[in-house]
PDB file of N, CA and C in Angstrom:
ATOM      1  N   MET A   1      12.339  -7.910 -12.437  1.00  0.00           N
ATOM      2  CA  MET A   1      11.250  -8.125 -11.133  1.00  0.00           C
ATOM      3  C   MET A   1      11.665  -6.806 -10.505  1.00  0.00           C
ATOM      4  N   ARG A   2      12.481  -6.419  -9.917  1.00  0.00           N
ATOM      5  CA  ARG A   2      13.514  -5.566  -9.192  1.00  0.00           C
ATOM      6  C   ARG A   2      12.707  -3.636  -9.877  1.00  0.00           C
ATOM      7  N   THR A   3      13.130  -3.900 -11.209  1.00  0.00           N
ATOM      8  CA  THR A   3      11.990  -2.372 -11.843  1.00  0.00           C
ATOM      9  C   THR A   3      11.011  -2.447 -11.427  1.00  0.00           C
ATOM     10  N   LYS A   4      10.344  -3.705 -11.810  1.00  0.00           N
ATOM     11  CA  LYS A   4       8.766  -3.586 -11.746  1.00  0.00           C
ATOM     12  C   LYS A   4       8.353  -3.453 -10.305  1.00  0.00           C
ATOM     13  N   ILE A   5       9.234  -3.892  -9.029  1.00  0.00           N
ATOM     14  CA  ILE A   5       8.346  -3.175  -7.808  1.00  0.00           C
ATOM     15  C   ILE A   5       8.630  -1.928  -7.679  1.00  0.00           C
ATOM     16  N   LEU A   6      10.359  -1.098  -8.126  1.00  0.00           N
ATOM     17  CA  LEU A   6      10.169   0.413  -8.202  1.00  0.00           C
ATOM     18  C   LEU A   6       9.526   0.773  -8.622  1.00  0.00           C
ATOM     19  N   ILE A   7       8.563   0.210 -10.124  1.00  0.00           N
ATOM     20  CA  ILE A   7       7.746   1.254 -10.799  1.00  0.00           C
ATOM     21  C   ILE A   7       6.140   0.960  -9.833  1.00  0.00           C
ATOM     22  N   ILE A   8       6.017  -0.128  -9.254  1.00  0.00           N
ATOM     23  CA  ILE A   8       4.415  -0.038  -8.639  1.00  0.00           C
ATOM     24  C   ILE A   8       5.193   0.412  -6.983  1.00  0.00           C
ATOM     25  N   THR A   9       6.254   0.961  -6.646  1.00  0.00           N
ATOM     26  CA  THR A   9       6.501   1.447  -5.740  1.00  0.00           C
ATOM     27  C   THR A   9       6.039   3.162  -6.001  1.00  0.00           C
ATOM     28  N   MET A  10       6.355   3.464  -6.969  1.00  0.00           N
ATOM     29  CA  MET A  10       6.579   4.873  -7.244  1.00  0.00           C
ATOM     30  C   MET A  10       5.176   5.357  -7.221  1.00  0.00           C
ATOM     31  N   ILE A  11       4.329   4.404  -8.313  1.00  0.00           N
ATOM     32  CA  ILE A  11       2.987   4.539  -8.247  1.00  0.00           C
ATOM     33  C   ILE A  11       2.507   4.695  -7.271  1.00  0.00           C
ATOM     34  N   THR A  12       2.087   3.774  -6.317  1.00  0.00           N
ATOM     35  CA  THR A  12       1.355   3.886  -5.083  1.00  0.00           C
ATOM     36  C   THR A  12       1.633   4.838  -4.370  1.00  0.00           C
ATOM     37  N   SER A  13       3.140   5.110  -3.711  1.00  0.00           N
ATOM     38  CA  SER A  13       3.586   6.431  -3.270  1.00  0.00           C
ATOM     39  C   SER A  13       2.976   7.722  -3.870  1.00  0.00           C
ATOM     40  N   THR A  14       2.831   7.907  -5.382  1.00  0.00           N
ATOM     41  CA  THR A  14       2.108   9.274  -6.187  1.00  0.00           C
ATOM     42  C   THR A  14       0.989   9.236  -5.466  1.00  0.00           C
ATOM     43  N   LEU A  15      -0.356   7.621  -5.517  1.00  0.00           N
ATOM     44  CA  LEU A  15      -1.295   7.910  -5.596  1.00  0.00           C
ATOM     45  C   LEU A  15      -2.037   8.279  -4.386  1.00  0.00           C
ATOM     46  N   PHE A  16      -0.989   7.938  -3.386  1.00  0.00           N
ATOM     47  CA  PHE A  16      -1.099   8.061  -1.607  1.00  0.00           C
ATOM     48  C   PHE A  16      -1.167  10.102  -1.431  1.00  0.00           C
ATOM     49  N   VAL A  17       0.598  10.675  -2.111  1.00  0.00           N
ATOM     50  CA  VAL A  17       1.027  12.164  -1.244  1.00  0.00           C
ATOM     51  C   VAL A  17      -0.699  12.568  -2.668  1.00  0.00           C
ATOM     52  N   SER A  18      -0.834  12.334  -3.952  1.00  0.00           N
ATOM     53  CA  SER A  18      -2.041  13.085  -4.474  1.00  0.00           C
ATOM     54  C   SER A  18      -4.054  12.761  -3.878  1.00  0.00           C
ATOM     55  N   ASN A  19      -3.926  11.818  -3.251  1.00  0.00           N
ATOM     56  CA  ASN A  19      -5.172  11.410  -2.877  1.00  0.00           C
ATOM     57  C   ASN A  19      -5.794  12.454  -2.422  1.00  0.00           C
ATOM     58  N   VAL A  20      -5.827  12.909  -1.606  1.00  0.00           N
ATOM     59  CA  VAL A  20      -6.971  14.175  -0.846  1.00  0.00           C
ATOM     60  C   VAL A  20      -5.706  15.274  -0.920  1.00  0.00           C
ATOM     61  N   SER A  21      -6.625  16.321  -1.946  1.00  0.00           N
ATOM     62  CA  SER A  21      -5.518  17.743  -1.664  1.00  0.00           C
ATOM     63  C   SER A  21      -6.269  19.119  -1.019  1.00  0.00           C
ATOM     64  N   ILE A  22      -5.639  19.902  -0.961  1.00  0.00           N
ATOM     65  CA  ILE A  22      -6.039  20.680   0.092  1.00  0.00           C
ATOM     66  C   ILE A  22      -7.125  21.498  -0.381  1.00  0.00           C
ATOM     67  N   ALA A  23      -7.612  21.604  -1.480  1.00  0.00           N
ATOM     68  CA  ALA A  23      -8.634  21.939  -2.148  1.00  0.00           C
ATOM     69  C   ALA A  23     -10.389  21.159  -2.053  1.00  0.00           C
ATOM     70  N   GLU A  24      -9.621  19.759  -1.961  1.00  0.00           N
ATOM     71  CA  GLU A  24     -10.716  18.894  -1.703  1.00  0.00           C
ATOM     72  C   GLU A  24     -11.354  19.090  -0.500  1.00  0.00           C
ATOM     73  N   LEU A  25     -10.323  18.898   0.260  1.00  0.00           N
ATOM     74  CA  LEU A  25     -10.306  19.227   2.058  1.00  0.00           C
ATOM     75  C   LEU A  25     -11.365  20.436   2.071  1.00  0.00           C
ATOM     76  N   GLY A  26     -11.215  21.115   1.690  1.00  0.00           N
ATOM     77  CA  GLY A  26     -11.898  22.832   2.101  1.00  0.00           C
ATOM     78  C   GLY A  26     -13.301  22.699   1.449  1.00  0.00           C
ATOM     79  N   LYS A  27     -13.526  22.007   0.386  1.00  0.00           N
ATOM     80  CA  LYS A  27     -15.046  21.758  -0.295  1.00  0.00           C
ATOM     81  C   LYS A  27     -15.606  20.702   1.028  1.00  0.00           C
ATOM     82  N   MET A  28     -14.855  19.888   0.843  1.00  0.00           N
ATOM     83  CA  MET A  28     -16.027  18.811   1.753  1.00  0.00           C
ATOM     84  C   MET A  28     -16.404  19.576   3.325  1.00  0.00           C
ATOM     85  N   ASP A  29     -15.232  20.450   3.784  1.00  0.00           N
ATOM     86  CA  ASP A  29     -15.717  21.509   4.828  1.00  0.00           C
ATOM     87  C   ASP A  29     -16.721  22.137   4.523  1.00  0.00           C
ATOM     88  N   LYS A  30     -16.419  22.759   3.362  1.00  0.00           N
ATOM     89  CA  LYS A  30     -17.437  23.355   3.153  1.00  0.00           C
ATOM     90  C   LYS A  30     -19.083  22.871   2.879  1.00  0.00           C
ATOM     91  N   ALA A  31     -19.327  21.754   1.989  1.00  0.00           N
ATOM     92  CA  ALA A  31     -20.011  20.678   1.859  1.00  0.00           C
ATOM     93  C   ALA A  31     -20.522  20.418   3.025  1.00  0.00           C
ATOM     94  N   GLU A  32     -19.939  20.237   4.262  1.00  0.00           N
ATOM     95  CA  GLU A  32     -20.459  20.059   5.313  1.00  0.00           C
ATOM     96  C   GLU A  32     -21.640  20.935   6.598  1.00  0.00           C
ATOM     97  N   ALA A  33     -20.774  22.051   6.031  1.00  0.00           N
ATOM     98  CA  ALA A  33     -21.023  23.175   6.881  1.00  0.00           C
ATOM     99  C   ALA A  33     -22.670  23.659   6.124  1.00  0.00           C
ATOM    100  N   GLN A  34     -22.570  23.899   4.685  1.00  0.00           N
ATOM    101  CA  GLN A  34     -24.004  24.258   4.255  1.00  0.00           C
ATOM    102  C   GLN A  34     -24.851  23.158   3.834  1.00  0.00           C
ATOM    103  N   ALA A  35     -24.729  21.526   4.411  1.00  0.00           N
ATOM    104  CA  ALA A  35     -25.836  20.717   4.511  1.00  0.00           C
ATOM    105  C   ALA A  35     -26.799  20.858   5.604  1.00  0.00           C
ATOM    106  N   THR A  36     -27.873  21.377   4.975  1.00  0.00           N
ATOM    107  CA  THR A  36     -29.276  21.626   6.046  1.00  0.00           C
ATOM    108  C   THR A  36     -30.131  20.542   5.883  1.00  0.00           C
ATOM    109  N   THR A  37     -30.055  20.496   4.199  1.00  0.00           N
ATOM    110  CA  THR A  37     -31.350  19.358   4.124  1.00  0.00           C
ATOM    111  C   THR A  37     -30.826  18.157   4.177  1.00  0.00           C
ATOM    112  N   LYS A  38     -31.943  17.185   4.050  1.00  0.00           N
ATOM    113  CA  LYS A  38     -31.881  15.375   4.198  1.00  0.00           C
ATOM    114  C   LYS A  38     -31.184  15.112   3.081  1.00  0.00           C
ATOM    115  N   PHE A  39     -31.522  15.870   2.011  1.00  0.00           N
ATOM    116  CA  PHE A  39     -31.152  15.163   0.603  1.00  0.00           C
ATOM    117  C   PHE A  39     -29.027  15.866   0.430  1.00  0.00           C
ATOM    118  N   ASP A  40     -29.147  16.780   1.500  1.00  0.00           N
ATOM    119  CA  ASP A  40     -27.526  17.203   1.683  1.00  0.00           C
ATOM    120  C   ASP A  40     -26.751  16.837   2.507  1.00  0.00           C
ATOM    121  N   HIS A  41     -27.812  15.801   3.012  1.00  0.00           N
ATOM    122  CA  HIS A  41     -26.497  15.116   4.027  1.00  0.00           C
ATOM    123  C   HIS A  41     -26.461  13.282   3.642  1.00  0.00           C
ATOM    124  N   ILE A  42     -27.783  13.362   2.524  1.00  0.00           N
ATOM    125  CA  ILE A  42     -27.904  11.732   2.020  1.00  0.00           C
ATOM    126  C   ILE A  42     -26.261  11.869   0.825  1.00  0.00           C
ATOM    127  N   GLY A  43     -26.372  13.093   0.333  1.00  0.00           N
ATOM    128  CA  GLY A  43     -24.796  13.404  -1.050  1.00  0.00           C
ATOM    129  C   GLY A  43     -24.188  13.213  -0.250  1.00  0.00           C
ATOM    130  N   LEU A  44     -23.821  14.101   1.336  1.00  0.00           N
ATOM    131  CA  LEU A  44     -22.544  13.481   1.773  1.00  0.00           C
ATOM    132  C   LEU A  44     -22.308  12.354   2.020  1.00  0.00           C
ATOM    133  N   ALA A  45     -23.456  11.598   2.772  1.00  0.00           N
ATOM    134  CA  ALA A  45     -23.172  10.353   3.181  1.00  0.00           C
ATOM    135  C   ALA A  45     -22.754   9.321   1.784  1.00  0.00           C
ATOM    136  N   GLU A  46     -23.343   9.822   0.982  1.00  0.00           N
ATOM    137  CA  GLU A  46     -22.918   8.437  -0.524  1.00  0.00           C
ATOM    138  C   GLU A  46     -21.264   9.162  -0.691  1.00  0.00           C
ATOM    139  N   MET A  47     -20.882  10.595  -0.888  1.00  0.00           N
ATOM    140  CA  MET A  47     -19.604  10.667  -0.949  1.00  0.00           C
ATOM    141  C   MET A  47     -18.740   9.806  -0.186  1.00  0.00           C
ATOM    142  N   TYR A  48     -19.276   9.983   1.389  1.00  0.00           N
ATOM    143  CA  TYR A  48     -18.074   9.576   2.248  1.00  0.00           C
ATOM    144  C   TYR A  48     -17.839   7.603   2.370  1.00  0.00           C
ATOM    145  N   GLU A  49     -18.873   7.295   1.510  1.00  0.00           N
ATOM    146  CA  GLU A  49     -18.624   6.051   1.171  1.00  0.00           C
ATOM    147  C   GLU A  49     -18.454   5.887  -0.034  1.00  0.00           C
ATOM    148  N   LYS A  50     -18.224   6.270  -1.135  1.00  0.00           N
ATOM    149  CA  LYS A  50     -17.255   6.114  -2.509  1.00  0.00           C
ATOM    150  C   LYS A  50     -15.550   6.841  -2.095  1.00  0.00           C
ATOM    151  N   GLU A  51     -15.505   7.516  -1.296  1.00  0.00           N
ATOM    152  CA  GLU A  51     -14.319   7.641  -0.840  1.00  0.00           C
ATOM    153  C   GLU A  51     -13.891   6.251   0.476  1.00  0.00           C
ATOM    154  N   ALA A  52     -14.945   5.228   1.408  1.00  0.00           N
ATOM    155  CA  ALA A  52     -14.463   5.080   2.125  1.00  0.00           C
ATOM    156  C   ALA A  52     -14.381   3.327   1.272  1.00  0.00           C
ATOM    157  N   SER A  53     -14.794   3.341  -0.207  1.00  0.00           N
ATOM    158  CA  SER A  53     -14.587   2.322  -0.562  1.00  0.00           C
ATOM    159  C   SER A  53     -13.370   2.269  -1.724  1.00  0.00           C
ATOM    160  N   ASP A  54     -13.021   3.454  -1.929  1.00  0.00           N
ATOM    161  CA  ASP A  54     -12.034   4.145  -2.461  1.00  0.00           C
ATOM    162  C   ASP A  54     -10.475   3.592  -1.958  1.00  0.00           C
ATOM    163  N   MET A  55     -10.475   3.718  -0.293  1.00  0.00           N
ATOM    164  CA  MET A  55      -9.840   3.918   0.180  1.00  0.00           C
ATOM    165  C   MET A  55      -9.755   2.082   0.869  1.00  0.00           C
ATOM    166  N   THR A  56     -10.307   1.390   0.847  1.00  0.00           N
ATOM    167  CA  THR A  56     -10.757   0.024   0.970  1.00  0.00           C
ATOM    168  C   THR A  56      -9.793  -0.942  -0.274  1.00  0.00           C
ATOM    169  N   ALA A  57     -10.356  -0.165  -1.508  1.00  0.00           N
ATOM    170  CA  ALA A  57      -9.474  -0.782  -2.812  1.00  0.00           C
ATOM    171  C   ALA A  57      -8.033  -0.443  -2.494  1.00  0.00           C
ATOM    172  N   LYS A  58      -7.810   0.608  -1.934  1.00  0.00           N
ATOM    173  CA  LYS A  58      -6.245   0.747  -2.010  1.00  0.00           C
ATOM    174  C   LYS A  58      -5.430  -0.059  -1.074  1.00  0.00           C
ATOM    175  N   ALA A  59      -6.291  -0.041   0.359  1.00  0.00           N
ATOM    176  CA  ALA A  59      -5.507  -0.893   1.178  1.00  0.00           C
ATOM    177  C   ALA A  59      -5.396  -2.661   0.832  1.00  0.00           C
ATOM    178  N   LYS A  60      -6.649  -2.724   0.145  1.00  0.00           N
ATOM    179  CA  LYS A  60      -6.518  -4.202  -0.795  1.00  0.00           C
ATOM    180  C   LYS A  60      -4.961  -4.537  -1.140  1.00  0.00           C
ATOM    181  N   VAL A  61      -4.862  -3.468  -2.202  1.00  0.00           N
ATOM    182  CA  VAL A  61      -3.350  -3.130  -3.246  1.00  0.00           C
ATOM    183  C   VAL A  61      -2.369  -3.459  -2.264  1.00  0.00           C
ATOM    184  N   GLN A  62      -2.407  -2.891  -1.031  1.00  0.00           N
ATOM    185  CA  GLN A  62      -1.329  -2.581  -0.549  1.00  0.00           C
ATOM    186  C   GLN A  62      -1.144  -4.302   0.281  1.00  0.00           C
ATOM    187  N   LYS A  63      -2.367  -4.308   0.820  1.00  0.00           N
ATOM    188  CA  LYS A  63      -2.053  -5.644   1.529  1.00  0.00           C
ATOM    189  C   LYS A  63      -1.396  -7.015   0.317  1.00  0.00           C
ATOM    190  N   GLU A  64      -2.138  -6.978  -0.656  1.00  0.00           N
ATOM    191  CA  GLU A  64      -1.462  -7.697  -2.194  1.00  0.00           C
ATOM    192  C   GLU A  64       0.133  -7.307  -1.837  1.00  0.00           C
ATOM    193  N   LEU A  65       0.321  -6.343  -2.104  1.00  0.00           N
ATOM    194  CA  LEU A  65       1.677  -6.106  -1.967  1.00  0.00           C
ATOM    195  C   LEU A  65       2.711  -6.900  -1.075  1.00  0.00           C
ATOM    196  N   LEU A  66       2.226  -6.724   0.257  1.00  0.00           N
ATOM    197  CA  LEU A  66       2.909  -7.042   1.537  1.00  0.00           C
ATOM    198  C   LEU A  66       2.411  -8.736   0.981  1.00  0.00           C
ATOM    199  N   GLU A  67       1.631  -9.469   0.793  1.00  0.00           N
ATOM    200  CA  GLU A  67       1.961 -10.988   0.884  1.00  0.00           C
ATOM    201  C   GLU A  67       2.249 -11.209  -0.370  1.00  0.00           C
ATOM    202  N   GLU A  68       2.485 -10.285  -1.380  1.00  0.00           N
ATOM    203  CA  GLU A  68       3.735 -10.463  -2.491  1.00  0.00           C
ATOM    204  C   GLU A  68       5.159 -10.839  -1.800  1.00  0.00           C
ATOM    205  N   TYR A  69       5.746  -9.657  -0.999  1.00  0.00           N
ATOM    206  CA  TYR A  69       6.661  -9.467  -0.651  1.00  0.00           C
ATOM    207  C   TYR A  69       7.065 -10.530   0.640  1.00  0.00           C
ATOM    208  N   GLN A  70       5.823 -11.256   1.259  1.00  0.00           N
ATOM    209  CA  GLN A  70       5.949 -12.275   2.348  1.00  0.00           C
ATOM    210  C   GLN A  70       6.471 -13.700   1.556  1.00  0.00           C
ATOM    211  N   ARG A  71       6.064 -13.684   0.429  1.00  0.00           N
ATOM    212  CA  ARG A  71       5.797 -14.985  -0.432  1.00  0.00           C
ATOM    213  C   ARG A  71       7.391 -14.960  -0.786  1.00  0.00           C
ATOM    214  N   HIS A  72       8.390 -13.606  -0.863  1.00  0.00           N
ATOM    215  CA  HIS A  72       9.629 -13.721  -1.955  1.00  0.00           C
ATOM    216  C   HIS A  72      10.422 -12.864  -1.464  1.00  0.00           C
ATOM    217  N   SER A  73       9.847 -12.576  -0.296  1.00  0.00           N
ATOM    218  CA  SER A  73      11.414 -11.642   0.371  1.00  0.00           C
ATOM    219  C   SER A  73      12.651 -11.518  -0.139  1.00  0.00           C
ATOM    220  N   GLU A  74      12.999 -12.944  -0.288  1.00  0.00           N
ATOM    221  CA  GLU A  74      14.340 -13.029  -1.010  1.00  0.00           C
ATOM    222  C   GLU A  74      14.486 -12.507  -2.058  1.00  0.00           C
ATOM    223  N   TYR A  75      13.625 -12.106  -2.913  1.00  0.00           N
ATOM    224  CA  TYR A  75      14.050 -11.267  -3.952  1.00  0.00           C
ATOM    225  C   TYR A  75      14.393  -9.840  -3.998  1.00  0.00           C
ATOM    226  N   TYR A  76      13.999  -9.375  -2.719  1.00  0.00           N
ATOM    227  CA  TYR A  76      13.856  -7.698  -2.567  1.00  0.00           C
ATOM    228  C   TYR A  76      15.416  -7.295  -1.716  1.00  0.00           C
ATOM    229  N   GLY A  77      16.112  -7.821  -1.882  1.00  0.00           N
ATOM    230  CA  GLY A  77      17.458  -7.596  -1.185  1.00  0.00           C
ATOM    231  C   GLY A  77      17.113  -6.716   0.542  1.00  0.00           C
ATOM    232  N   ARG A  78      18.234  -6.011   0.310  1.00  0.00           N
ATOM    233  CA  ARG A  78      18.263  -4.936   1.610  1.00  0.00           C
ATOM    234  C   ARG A  78      17.264  -3.904   1.514  1.00  0.00           C
ATOM    235  N   GLU A  79      16.575  -3.822   0.247  1.00  0.00           N
ATOM    236  CA  GLU A  79      15.340  -2.525   0.356  1.00  0.00           C
ATOM    237  C   GLU A  79      14.350  -3.261   0.615  1.00  0.00           C
ATOM    238  N   GLY A  80      14.265  -4.420   1.008  1.00  0.00           N
ATOM    239  CA  GLY A  80      12.813  -5.312   1.416  1.00  0.00           C
ATOM    240  C   GLY A  80      12.451  -4.738   2.171  1.00  0.00           C
ATOM    241  N   GLN A  81      13.475  -4.516   3.914  1.00  0.00           N
ATOM    242  CA  GLN A  81      12.676  -3.950   4.604  1.00  0.00           C
ATOM    243  C   GLN A  81      11.920  -2.811   4.640  1.00  0.00           C
ATOM    244  N   ASP A  82      12.466  -1.814   3.799  1.00  0.00           N
ATOM    245  CA  ASP A  82      12.048  -0.791   3.590  1.00  0.00           C
ATOM    246  C   ASP A  82      10.911  -1.191   3.007  1.00  0.00           C
ATOM    247  N   PHE A  83      10.494  -1.491   2.059  1.00  0.00           N
ATOM    248  CA  PHE A  83       9.221  -2.019   1.128  1.00  0.00           C
ATOM    249  C   PHE A  83       8.253  -2.318   1.837  1.00  0.00           C
ATOM    250  N   GLN A  84       8.311  -3.405   2.523  1.00  0.00           N
ATOM    251  CA  GLN A  84       7.532  -3.929   3.671  1.00  0.00           C
ATOM    252  C   GLN A  84       7.216  -2.901   4.816  1.00  0.00           C
ATOM    253  N   ALA A  85       7.883  -2.020   5.547  1.00  0.00           N
ATOM    254  CA  ALA A  85       7.426  -0.826   5.846  1.00  0.00           C
ATOM    255  C   ALA A  85       6.608   0.300   5.630  1.00  0.00           C
ATOM    256  N   HIS A  86       6.995   0.278   4.625  1.00  0.00           N
ATOM    257  CA  HIS A  86       6.477   1.633   3.358  1.00  0.00           C
ATOM    258  C   HIS A  86       5.172   1.134   3.468  1.00  0.00           C
ATOM    259  N   HIS A  87       4.899  -0.160   2.785  1.00  0.00           N
ATOM    260  CA  HIS A  87       3.524  -0.490   2.577  1.00  0.00           C
ATOM    261  C   HIS A  87       3.103  -1.043   3.501  1.00  0.00           C
ATOM    262  N   GLU A  88       3.337  -1.504   4.628  1.00  0.00           N
ATOM    263  CA  GLU A  88       2.427  -1.771   6.120  1.00  0.00           C
ATOM    264  C   GLU A  88       1.740  -0.185   6.555  1.00  0.00           C
ATOM    265  N   ALA A  89       2.841   1.015   6.057  1.00  0.00           N
ATOM    266  CA  ALA A  89       2.221   2.096   6.665  1.00  0.00           C
ATOM    267  C   ALA A  89       0.989   2.536   5.840  1.00  0.00           C
ATOM    268  N   LEU A  90       1.541   2.302   4.411  1.00  0.00           N
ATOM    269  CA  LEU A  90      -0.157   2.509   3.628  1.00  0.00           C
ATOM    270  C   LEU A  90      -1.025   1.888   3.771  1.00  0.00           C
ATOM    271  N   LEU A  91      -1.100   1.032   4.028  1.00  0.00           N
ATOM    272  CA  LEU A  91      -2.018  -0.161   4.274  1.00  0.00           C
ATOM    273  C   LEU A  91      -2.719   0.600   5.539  1.00  0.00           C
ATOM    274  N   ARG A  92      -1.913   0.594   6.588  1.00  0.00           N
ATOM    275  CA  ARG A  92      -2.450   1.195   8.091  1.00  0.00           C
ATOM    276  C   ARG A  92      -3.264   2.704   7.747  1.00  0.00           C
ATOM    277  N   GLU A  93      -2.691   3.723   7.123  1.00  0.00           N
ATOM    278  CA  GLU A  93      -3.379   5.152   6.902  1.00  0.00           C
ATOM    279  C   GLU A  93      -4.827   4.759   5.300  1.00  0.00           C
ATOM    280  N   TYR A  94      -4.071   3.465   4.619  1.00  0.00           N
ATOM    281  CA  TYR A  94      -5.784   3.670   4.120  1.00  0.00           C
ATOM    282  C   TYR A  94      -6.520   2.918   5.257  1.00  0.00           C
ATOM    283  N   THR A  95      -6.710   2.553   5.926  1.00  0.00           N
ATOM    284  CA  THR A  95      -7.553   1.487   6.675  1.00  0.00           C
ATOM    285  C   THR A  95      -7.787   2.163   6.956  1.00  0.00           C
ATOM    286  N   LYS A  96      -7.137   3.178   8.157  1.00  0.00           N
ATOM    287  CA  LYS A  96      -7.673   4.177   8.886  1.00  0.00           C
ATOM    288  C   LYS A  96      -8.655   4.949   8.022  1.00  0.00           C
ATOM    289  N   ALA A  97      -8.498   5.796   7.163  1.00  0.00           N
ATOM    290  CA  ALA A  97      -9.019   6.778   6.165  1.00  0.00           C
ATOM    291  C   ALA A  97     -10.544   5.869   5.924  1.00  0.00           C
ATOM    292  N   ALA A  98     -10.753   4.890   5.499  1.00  0.00           N
ATOM    293  CA  ALA A  98     -11.850   3.749   5.016  1.00  0.00           C
ATOM    294  C   ALA A  98     -12.627   4.164   6.308  1.00  0.00           C
ATOM    295  N   GLU A  99     -12.071   3.648   7.592  1.00  0.00           N
ATOM    296  CA  GLU A  99     -13.152   3.574   8.570  1.00  0.00           C
ATOM    297  C   GLU A  99     -13.391   4.959   9.066  1.00  0.00           C
ATOM    298  N   ARG A 100     -12.486   6.387   9.141  1.00  0.00           N
ATOM    299  CA  ARG A 100     -13.357   7.690   9.194  1.00  0.00           C
ATOM    300  C   ARG A 100     -14.236   7.933   8.058  1.00  0.00           C
ATOM    301  N   ASN A 101     -14.139   8.021   7.222  1.00  0.00           N
ATOM    302  CA  ASN A 101     -15.083   7.793   5.913  1.00  0.00           C
ATOM    303  C   ASN A 101     -16.172   6.665   5.860  1.00  0.00           C
ATOM    304  N   ALA A 102     -16.248   5.756   6.795  1.00  0.00           N
ATOM    305  CA  ALA A 102     -17.337   4.663   6.652  1.00  0.00           C
ATOM    306  C   ALA A 102     -18.238   5.816   7.959  1.00  0.00           C
ATOM    307  N   GLY A 103     -18.014   6.049   9.006  1.00  0.00           N
ATOM    308  CA  GLY A 103     -17.619   6.670  10.227  1.00  0.00           C
ATOM    309  C   GLY A 103     -18.374   7.790   9.672  1.00  0.00           C
ATOM    310  N   MET A 104     -18.481   8.978   9.135  1.00  0.00           N
ATOM    311  CA  MET A 104     -18.635  10.077   8.809  1.00  0.00           C
ATOM    312  C   MET A 104     -19.823   9.761   8.021  1.00  0.00           C
ATOM    313  N   ALA A 105     -19.823   8.274   6.712  1.00  0.00           N
ATOM    314  CA  ALA A 105     -21.073   8.033   6.154  1.00  0.00           C
ATOM    315  C   ALA A 105     -22.360   7.567   7.196  1.00  0.00           C
ATOM    316  N   ALA A 106     -21.685   7.133   8.134  1.00  0.00           N
ATOM    317  CA  ALA A 106     -22.880   6.366   9.066  1.00  0.00           C
ATOM    318  C   ALA A 106     -23.455   8.123   9.633  1.00  0.00           C
ATOM    319  N   SER A 107     -22.922   8.421  10.274  1.00  0.00           N
ATOM    320  CA  SER A 107     -23.048   9.960  10.724  1.00  0.00           C
ATOM    321  C   SER A 107     -24.187  10.977  10.020  1.00  0.00           C
ATOM    322  N   HIS A 108     -23.777  11.067   8.881  1.00  0.00           N
ATOM    323  CA  HIS A 108     -24.387  11.821   7.709  1.00  0.00           C
ATOM    324  C   HIS A 108     -25.827  10.668   7.633  1.00  0.00           C
ATOM    325  N   ARG A 109     -25.622   9.819   7.068  1.00  0.00           N
ATOM    326  CA  ARG A 109     -27.380   9.160   7.213  1.00  0.00           C
ATOM    327  C   ARG A 109     -28.184   9.190   7.974  1.00  0.00           C
ATOM    328  N   LYS A 110     -27.296   9.205   9.637  1.00  0.00           N
ATOM    329  CA  LYS A 110     -28.303   9.521  10.843  1.00  0.00           C
ATOM    330  C   LYS A 110     -28.936  10.218  10.783  1.00  0.00           C
ATOM    331  N   MET A 111     -28.243  11.845  10.622  1.00  0.00           N
ATOM    332  CA  MET A 111     -28.475  13.130  10.342  1.00  0.00           C
ATOM    333  C   MET A 111     -29.759  13.422   8.954  1.00  0.00           C
ATOM    334  N   ALA A 112     -29.590  12.748   8.441  1.00  0.00           N
ATOM    335  CA  ALA A 112     -30.602  12.485   7.042  1.00  0.00           C
ATOM    336  C   ALA A 112     -31.790  12.014   7.834  1.00  0.00           C
ATOM    337  N   LYS A 113     -31.994  11.289   8.823  1.00  0.00           N
ATOM    338  CA  LYS A 113     -33.058  10.601   9.364  1.00  0.00           C
ATOM    339  C   LYS A 113     -33.794  11.313  10.109  1.00  0.00           C
TER     340      LYS A 113
END
């Protein structure tokens, strides 16, 4: 059980760190700067909606891990509090990212009209 939790923690940490690379941020900024037509903004809105749904899915995974921890916190020992804090932080960050992306998608949908 402890090994399984460690593996899940390592995988989620890796996904979080590798989620948005500097190159992707540069591409997004460049695409936004070059967006002039209705279709450009629709494409950007779809991209942001996809990112928002990805972040929402990741937040859901973190929430499930936290619920599992709360149901069986006695299995985690001393590392349990670190586990809980880590996944609460990830949940918070994924939720904020999903909200930001949803806001950007709405903004670009508005610009497309």
